[in-house]
Amino acid sequence: MAVDTVREFIGYDGMPPKVMLEKMRDEALHFGARIQSNKVDRIVPREDGFFDVSTSLGTLTSRSVVLATGLDR
């Protein structure tokens, strides 16, 4: 079952999910985020608080990891 309207999400109430995703991506990019769509094979927490993220394109080091599912790109 597809959701056609976001409800009760502060700042996004009544918005279609695709529009919400576009606005959130734009905001993340504005604040310096780098968005990549890759297959993640493994995430390993490091002693220094960072993460080594093994993807289909190689290994990245990240301060944080956000896992989001349920919205089409």
PDB file of N, CA and C in Angstrom:
ATOM      1  N   MET A   1       0.843  -1.178   0.000  1.00  0.00           N
ATOM      2  CA  MET A   1       0.000   0.000   0.000  1.00  0.00           C
ATOM      3  C   MET A   1       0.888   1.240   0.000  1.00  0.00           C
ATOM      4  N   ALA A   2       0.711   2.106  -0.944  1.00  0.00           N
ATOM      5  CA  ALA A   2       1.514   3.321  -1.054  1.00  0.00           C
ATOM      6  C   ALA A   2       0.885   4.452  -0.245  1.00  0.00           C
ATOM      7  N   VAL A   3       1.731   5.274   0.303  1.00  0.00           N
ATOM      8  CA  VAL A   3       1.282   6.457   1.035  1.00  0.00           C
ATOM      9  C   VAL A   3       1.343   7.632   0.077  1.00  0.00           C
ATOM     10  N   ASP A   4       0.241   8.394  -0.014  1.00  0.00           N
ATOM     11  CA  ASP A   4       0.236   9.514  -0.951  1.00  0.00           C
ATOM     12  C   ASP A   4       0.399  10.871  -0.267  1.00  0.00           C
ATOM     13  N   THR A   5       0.313  10.883   1.071  1.00  0.00           N
ATOM     14  CA  THR A   5       0.442  12.143   1.813  1.00  0.00           C
ATOM     15  C   THR A   5       1.124  11.891   3.150  1.00  0.00           C
ATOM     16  N   VAL A   6       2.085  12.753   3.475  1.00  0.00           N
ATOM     17  CA  VAL A   6       2.759  12.684   4.772  1.00  0.00           C
ATOM     18  C   VAL A   6       1.854  13.360   5.801  1.00  0.00           C
ATOM     19  N   ARG A   7       1.674  12.751   6.949  1.00  0.00           N
ATOM     20  CA  ARG A   7       0.828  13.311   7.992  1.00  0.00           C
ATOM     21  C   ARG A   7       1.604  13.462   9.295  1.00  0.00           C
ATOM     22  N   GLU A   8       1.380  14.587   9.958  1.00  0.00           N
ATOM     23  CA  GLU A   8       1.886  14.861  11.302  1.00  0.00           C
ATOM     24  C   GLU A   8       3.404  14.783  11.418  1.00  0.00           C
ATOM     25  N   PHE A   9       4.110  15.168  10.367  1.00  0.00           N
ATOM     26  CA  PHE A   9       5.567  15.277  10.400  1.00  0.00           C
ATOM     27  C   PHE A   9       5.866  16.764  10.309  1.00  0.00           C
ATOM     28  N   ILE A  10       6.382  17.333  11.383  1.00  0.00           N
ATOM     29  CA  ILE A  10       6.546  18.780  11.507  1.00  0.00           C
ATOM     30  C   ILE A  10       7.247  19.368  10.282  1.00  0.00           C
ATOM     31  N   GLY A  11       6.612  20.344   9.680  1.00  0.00           N
ATOM     32  CA  GLY A  11       7.153  21.026   8.519  1.00  0.00           C
ATOM     33  C   GLY A  11       6.832  20.368   7.190  1.00  0.00           C
ATOM     34  N   TYR A  12       6.283  19.169   7.219  1.00  0.00           N
ATOM     35  CA  TYR A  12       6.015  18.432   5.978  1.00  0.00           C
ATOM     36  C   TYR A  12       4.588  17.884   5.916  1.00  0.00           C
ATOM     37  N   ASP A  13       3.731  18.242   6.853  1.00  0.00           N
ATOM     38  CA  ASP A  13       2.366  17.708   6.917  1.00  0.00           C
ATOM     39  C   ASP A  13       1.604  18.020   5.631  1.00  0.00           C
ATOM     40  N   GLY A  14       0.956  17.024   5.072  1.00  0.00           N
ATOM     41  CA  GLY A  14       0.146  17.187   3.875  1.00  0.00           C
ATOM     42  C   GLY A  14       0.917  17.139   2.571  1.00  0.00           C
ATOM     43  N   MET A  15       2.197  16.850   2.640  1.00  0.00           N
ATOM     44  CA  MET A  15       3.069  16.869   1.468  1.00  0.00           C
ATOM     45  C   MET A  15       3.187  15.450   0.885  1.00  0.00           C
ATOM     46  N   PRO A  16       3.240  15.328  -0.446  1.00  0.00           N
ATOM     47  CA  PRO A  16       3.503  14.009  -1.026  1.00  0.00           C
ATOM     48  C   PRO A  16       4.913  13.516  -0.637  1.00  0.00           C
ATOM     49  N   PRO A  17       5.090  12.219  -0.396  1.00  0.00           N
ATOM     50  CA  PRO A  17       6.391  11.701   0.032  1.00  0.00           C
ATOM     51  C   PRO A  17       7.553  12.052  -0.897  1.00  0.00           C
ATOM     52  N   LYS A  18       7.340  12.042  -2.211  1.00  0.00           N
ATOM     53  CA  LYS A  18       8.441  12.367  -3.130  1.00  0.00           C
ATOM     54  C   LYS A  18       8.887  13.813  -2.966  1.00  0.00           C
ATOM     55  N   VAL A  19       7.942  14.716  -2.749  1.00  0.00           N
ATOM     56  CA  VAL A  19       8.277  16.130  -2.541  1.00  0.00           C
ATOM     57  C   VAL A  19       9.035  16.283  -1.218  1.00  0.00           C
ATOM     58  N   MET A  20       8.583  15.573  -0.185  1.00  0.00           N
ATOM     59  CA  MET A  20       9.262  15.603   1.116  1.00  0.00           C
ATOM     60  C   MET A  20      10.707  15.133   0.969  1.00  0.00           C
ATOM     61  N   LEU A  21      10.920  14.043   0.245  1.00  0.00           N
ATOM     62  CA  LEU A  21      12.261  13.505   0.046  1.00  0.00           C
ATOM     63  C   LEU A  21      13.149  14.514  -0.683  1.00  0.00           C
ATOM     64  N   GLU A  22      12.612  15.156  -1.718  1.00  0.00           N
ATOM     65  CA  GLU A  22      13.385  16.170  -2.447  1.00  0.00           C
ATOM     66  C   GLU A  22      13.783  17.329  -1.536  1.00  0.00           C
ATOM     67  N   LYS A  23      12.841  17.815  -0.737  1.00  0.00           N
ATOM     68  CA  LYS A  23      13.126  18.938   0.164  1.00  0.00           C
ATOM     69  C   LYS A  23      14.157  18.547   1.227  1.00  0.00           C
ATOM     70  N   MET A  24      14.050  17.334   1.771  1.00  0.00           N
ATOM     71  CA  MET A  24      15.002  16.877   2.788  1.00  0.00           C
ATOM     72  C   MET A  24      16.399  16.709   2.186  1.00  0.00           C
ATOM     73  N   ARG A  25      16.474  16.190   0.974  1.00  0.00           N
ATOM     74  CA  ARG A  25      17.779  16.055   0.311  1.00  0.00           C
ATOM     75  C   ARG A  25      18.398  17.417   0.049  1.00  0.00           C
ATOM     76  N   ASP A  26      17.576  18.361  -0.438  1.00  0.00           N
ATOM     77  CA  ASP A  26      18.072  19.717  -0.683  1.00  0.00           C
ATOM     78  C   ASP A  26      18.605  20.348   0.602  1.00  0.00           C
ATOM     79  N   GLU A  27      17.884  20.152   1.701  1.00  0.00           N
ATOM     80  CA  GLU A  27      18.328  20.711   2.980  1.00  0.00           C
ATOM     81  C   GLU A  27      19.623  20.058   3.445  1.00  0.00           C
ATOM     82  N   ALA A  28      19.720  18.746   3.309  1.00  0.00           N
ATOM     83  CA  ALA A  28      20.948  18.048   3.710  1.00  0.00           C
ATOM     84  C   ALA A  28      22.137  18.538   2.893  1.00  0.00           C
ATOM     85  N   LEU A  29      21.941  18.704   1.586  1.00  0.00           N
ATOM     86  CA  LEU A  29      23.019  19.198   0.729  1.00  0.00           C
ATOM     87  C   LEU A  29      23.417  20.620   1.096  1.00  0.00           C
ATOM     88  N   HIS A  30      22.438  21.434   1.449  1.00  0.00           N
ATOM     89  CA  HIS A  30      22.705  22.811   1.869  1.00  0.00           C
ATOM     90  C   HIS A  30      23.653  22.846   3.074  1.00  0.00           C
ATOM     91  N   PHE A  31      23.515  21.871   3.959  1.00  0.00           N
ATOM     92  CA  PHE A  31      24.346  21.820   5.165  1.00  0.00           C
ATOM     93  C   PHE A  31      25.589  20.954   5.001  1.00  0.00           C
ATOM     94  N   GLY A  32      25.927  20.601   3.758  1.00  0.00           N
ATOM     95  CA  GLY A  32      27.197  19.938   3.499  1.00  0.00           C
ATOM     96  C   GLY A  32      27.170  18.429   3.416  1.00  0.00           C
ATOM     97  N   ALA A  33      25.988  17.835   3.459  1.00  0.00           N
ATOM     98  CA  ALA A  33      25.919  16.374   3.351  1.00  0.00           C
ATOM     99  C   ALA A  33      26.271  15.931   1.942  1.00  0.00           C
ATOM    100  N   ARG A  34      26.773  14.737   1.845  1.00  0.00           N
ATOM    101  CA  ARG A  34      27.012  14.096   0.552  1.00  0.00           C
ATOM    102  C   ARG A  34      26.111  12.877   0.499  1.00  0.00           C
ATOM    103  N   ILE A  35      25.243  12.831  -0.458  1.00  0.00           N
ATOM    104  CA  ILE A  35      24.270  11.743  -0.563  1.00  0.00           C
ATOM    105  C   ILE A  35      24.736  10.786  -1.640  1.00  0.00           C
ATOM    106  N   GLN A  36      24.815   9.514  -1.285  1.00  0.00           N
ATOM    107  CA  GLN A  36      25.200   8.474  -2.231  1.00  0.00           C
ATOM    108  C   GLN A  36      24.203   7.333  -2.133  1.00  0.00           C
ATOM    109  N   SER A  37      23.894   6.759  -3.252  1.00  0.00           N
ATOM    110  CA  SER A  37      23.043   5.572  -3.272  1.00  0.00           C
ATOM    111  C   SER A  37      23.890   4.398  -3.726  1.00  0.00           C
ATOM    112  N   ASN A  38      24.264   3.574  -2.790  1.00  0.00           N
ATOM    113  CA  ASN A  38      25.089   2.398  -3.051  1.00  0.00           C
ATOM    114  C   ASN A  38      24.526   1.226  -2.274  1.00  0.00           C
ATOM    115  N   LYS A  39      24.953   0.053  -2.668  1.00  0.00           N
ATOM    116  CA  LYS A  39      24.650  -1.136  -1.867  1.00  0.00           C
ATOM    117  C   LYS A  39      25.697  -1.202  -0.764  1.00  0.00           C
ATOM    118  N   VAL A  40      25.231  -1.198   0.480  1.00  0.00           N
ATOM    119  CA  VAL A  40      26.146  -1.302   1.621  1.00  0.00           C
ATOM    120  C   VAL A  40      26.296  -2.773   1.975  1.00  0.00           C
ATOM    121  N   ASP A  41      27.537  -3.225   1.989  1.00  0.00           N
ATOM    122  CA  ASP A  41      27.815  -4.618   2.317  1.00  0.00           C
ATOM    123  C   ASP A  41      28.076  -4.817   3.803  1.00  0.00           C
ATOM    124  N   ARG A  42      28.659  -3.781   4.438  1.00  0.00           N
ATOM    125  CA  ARG A  42      29.050  -3.945   5.844  1.00  0.00           C
ATOM    126  C   ARG A  42      29.321  -2.581   6.467  1.00  0.00           C
ATOM    127  N   ILE A  43      28.947  -2.433   7.732  1.00  0.00           N
ATOM    128  CA  ILE A  43      29.260  -1.229   8.509  1.00  0.00           C
ATOM    129  C   ILE A  43      29.985  -1.682   9.768  1.00  0.00           C
ATOM    130  N   VAL A  44      31.191  -1.138   9.972  1.00  0.00           N
ATOM    131  CA  VAL A  44      31.997  -1.529  11.127  1.00  0.00           C
ATOM    132  C   VAL A  44      32.270  -0.294  11.980  1.00  0.00           C
ATOM    133  N   PRO A  45      31.778  -0.285  13.242  1.00  0.00           N
ATOM    134  CA  PRO A  45      32.096   0.832  14.129  1.00  0.00           C
ATOM    135  C   PRO A  45      33.571   0.804  14.512  1.00  0.00           C
ATOM    136  N   ARG A  46      34.193   1.984  14.553  1.00  0.00           N
ATOM    137  CA  ARG A  46      35.604   2.088  14.914  1.00  0.00           C
ATOM    138  C   ARG A  46      35.746   2.588  16.342  1.00  0.00           C
ATOM    139  N   GLU A  47      36.902   2.392  16.914  1.00  0.00           N
ATOM    140  CA  GLU A  47      37.170   2.826  18.298  1.00  0.00           C
ATOM    141  C   GLU A  47      37.096   4.338  18.453  1.00  0.00           C
ATOM    142  N   ASP A  48      37.367   5.092  17.371  1.00  0.00           N
ATOM    143  CA  ASP A  48      37.352   6.554  17.442  1.00  0.00           C
ATOM    144  C   ASP A  48      35.958   7.156  17.252  1.00  0.00           C
ATOM    145  N   GLY A  49      34.923   6.310  17.171  1.00  0.00           N
ATOM    146  CA  GLY A  49      33.555   6.789  17.034  1.00  0.00           C
ATOM    147  C   GLY A  49      33.075   6.910  15.593  1.00  0.00           C
ATOM    148  N   PHE A  50      33.967   6.702  14.637  1.00  0.00           N
ATOM    149  CA  PHE A  50      33.589   6.744  13.230  1.00  0.00           C
ATOM    150  C   PHE A  50      33.158   5.352  12.780  1.00  0.00           C
ATOM    151  N   PHE A  51      32.724   5.261  11.524  1.00  0.00           N
ATOM    152  CA  PHE A  51      32.303   3.991  10.953  1.00  0.00           C
ATOM    153  C   PHE A  51      33.038   3.762   9.641  1.00  0.00           C
ATOM    154  N   ASP A  52      33.447   2.529   9.390  1.00  0.00           N
ATOM    155  CA  ASP A  52      33.932   2.130   8.080  1.00  0.00           C
ATOM    156  C   ASP A  52      32.753   1.470   7.378  1.00  0.00           C
ATOM    157  N   VAL A  53      32.375   2.028   6.232  1.00  0.00           N
ATOM    158  CA  VAL A  53      31.210   1.568   5.491  1.00  0.00           C
ATOM    159  C   VAL A  53      31.690   0.982   4.170  1.00  0.00           C
ATOM    160  N   SER A  54      31.555  -0.327   4.036  1.00  0.00           N
ATOM    161  CA  SER A  54      31.948  -1.011   2.801  1.00  0.00           C
ATOM    162  C   SER A  54      30.758  -1.007   1.850  1.00  0.00           C
ATOM    163  N   THR A  55      30.975  -0.430   0.650  1.00  0.00           N
ATOM    164  CA  THR A  55      29.904  -0.332  -0.346  1.00  0.00           C
ATOM    165  C   THR A  55      30.354  -0.965  -1.650  1.00  0.00           C
ATOM    166  N   SER A  56      29.448  -0.954  -2.597  1.00  0.00           N
ATOM    167  CA  SER A  56      29.769  -1.476  -3.917  1.00  0.00           C
ATOM    168  C   SER A  56      30.829  -0.632  -4.623  1.00  0.00           C
ATOM    169  N   LEU A  57      31.078   0.597  -4.137  1.00  0.00           N
ATOM    170  CA  LEU A  57      32.074   1.477  -4.739  1.00  0.00           C
ATOM    171  C   LEU A  57      33.378   1.554  -3.945  1.00  0.00           C
ATOM    172  N   GLY A  58      33.482   0.813  -2.852  1.00  0.00           N
ATOM    173  CA  GLY A  58      34.673   0.854  -2.010  1.00  0.00           C
ATOM    174  C   GLY A  58      34.299   1.140  -0.567  1.00  0.00           C
ATOM    175  N   THR A  59      35.298   1.451   0.253  1.00  0.00           N
ATOM    176  CA  THR A  59      35.059   1.709   1.677  1.00  0.00           C
ATOM    177  C   THR A  59      35.124   3.205   1.961  1.00  0.00           C
ATOM    178  N   LEU A  60      34.133   3.683   2.696  1.00  0.00           N
ATOM    179  CA  LEU A  60      34.055   5.076   3.118  1.00  0.00           C
ATOM    180  C   LEU A  60      34.189   5.134   4.626  1.00  0.00           C
ATOM    181  N   THR A  61      34.687   6.240   5.141  1.00  0.00           N
ATOM    182  CA  THR A  61      34.697   6.469   6.583  1.00  0.00           C
ATOM    183  C   THR A  61      33.681   7.561   6.871  1.00  0.00           C
ATOM    184  N   SER A  62      32.828   7.336   7.868  1.00  0.00           N
ATOM    185  CA  SER A  62      31.743   8.266   8.143  1.00  0.00           C
ATOM    186  C   SER A  62      31.629   8.559   9.628  1.00  0.00           C
ATOM    187  N   ARG A  63      31.234   9.781   9.938  1.00  0.00           N
ATOM    188  CA  ARG A  63      30.982  10.178  11.326  1.00  0.00           C
ATOM    189  C   ARG A  63      29.652   9.606  11.804  1.00  0.00           C
ATOM    190  N   SER A  64      28.702   9.485  10.882  1.00  0.00           N
ATOM    191  CA  SER A  64      27.396   8.941  11.239  1.00  0.00           C
ATOM    192  C   SER A  64      26.835   8.161  10.056  1.00  0.00           C
ATOM    193  N   VAL A  65      25.861   7.331  10.342  1.00  0.00           N
ATOM    194  CA  VAL A  65      25.212   6.529   9.317  1.00  0.00           C
ATOM    195  C   VAL A  65      23.713   6.697   9.495  1.00  0.00           C
ATOM    196  N   VAL A  66      23.019   6.993   8.401  1.00  0.00           N
ATOM    197  CA  VAL A  66      21.564   7.099   8.427  1.00  0.00           C
ATOM    198  C   VAL A  66      21.015   5.984   7.561  1.00  0.00           C
ATOM    199  N   LEU A  67      20.171   5.166   8.131  1.00  0.00           N
ATOM    200  CA  LEU A  67      19.526   4.098   7.383  1.00  0.00           C
ATOM    201  C   LEU A  67      18.078   4.497   7.180  1.00  0.00           C
ATOM    202  N   ALA A  68      17.667   4.635   5.936  1.00  0.00           N
ATOM    203  CA  ALA A  68      16.302   5.027   5.621  1.00  0.00           C
ATOM    204  C   ALA A  68      15.746   4.072   4.573  1.00  0.00           C
ATOM    205  N   THR A  69      14.538   3.583   4.814  1.00  0.00           N
ATOM    206  CA  THR A  69      13.908   2.687   3.862  1.00  0.00           C
ATOM    207  C   THR A  69      12.470   3.131   3.637  1.00  0.00           C
ATOM    208  N   GLY A  70      11.908   2.668   2.555  1.00  0.00           N
ATOM    209  CA  GLY A  70      10.484   2.888   2.338  1.00  0.00           C
ATOM    210  C   GLY A  70      10.137   3.962   1.322  1.00  0.00           C
ATOM    211  N   LEU A  71      11.080   4.780   0.882  1.00  0.00           N
ATOM    212  CA  LEU A  71      10.788   5.775  -0.138  1.00  0.00           C
ATOM    213  C   LEU A  71      11.579   5.461  -1.389  1.00  0.00           C
ATOM    214  N   ASP A  72      10.911   5.569  -2.523  1.00  0.00           N
ATOM    215  CA  ASP A  72      11.599   5.388  -3.798  1.00  0.00           C
ATOM    216  C   ASP A  72      12.437   6.614  -4.096  1.00  0.00           C
ATOM    217  N   ARG A  73      13.579   6.407  -4.769  1.00  0.00           N
ATOM    218  CA  ARG A  73      14.419   7.531  -5.155  1.00  0.00           C
ATOM    219  C   ARG A  73      13.854   8.245  -6.327  1.00  0.00           C
TER     220      ARG A  73
END
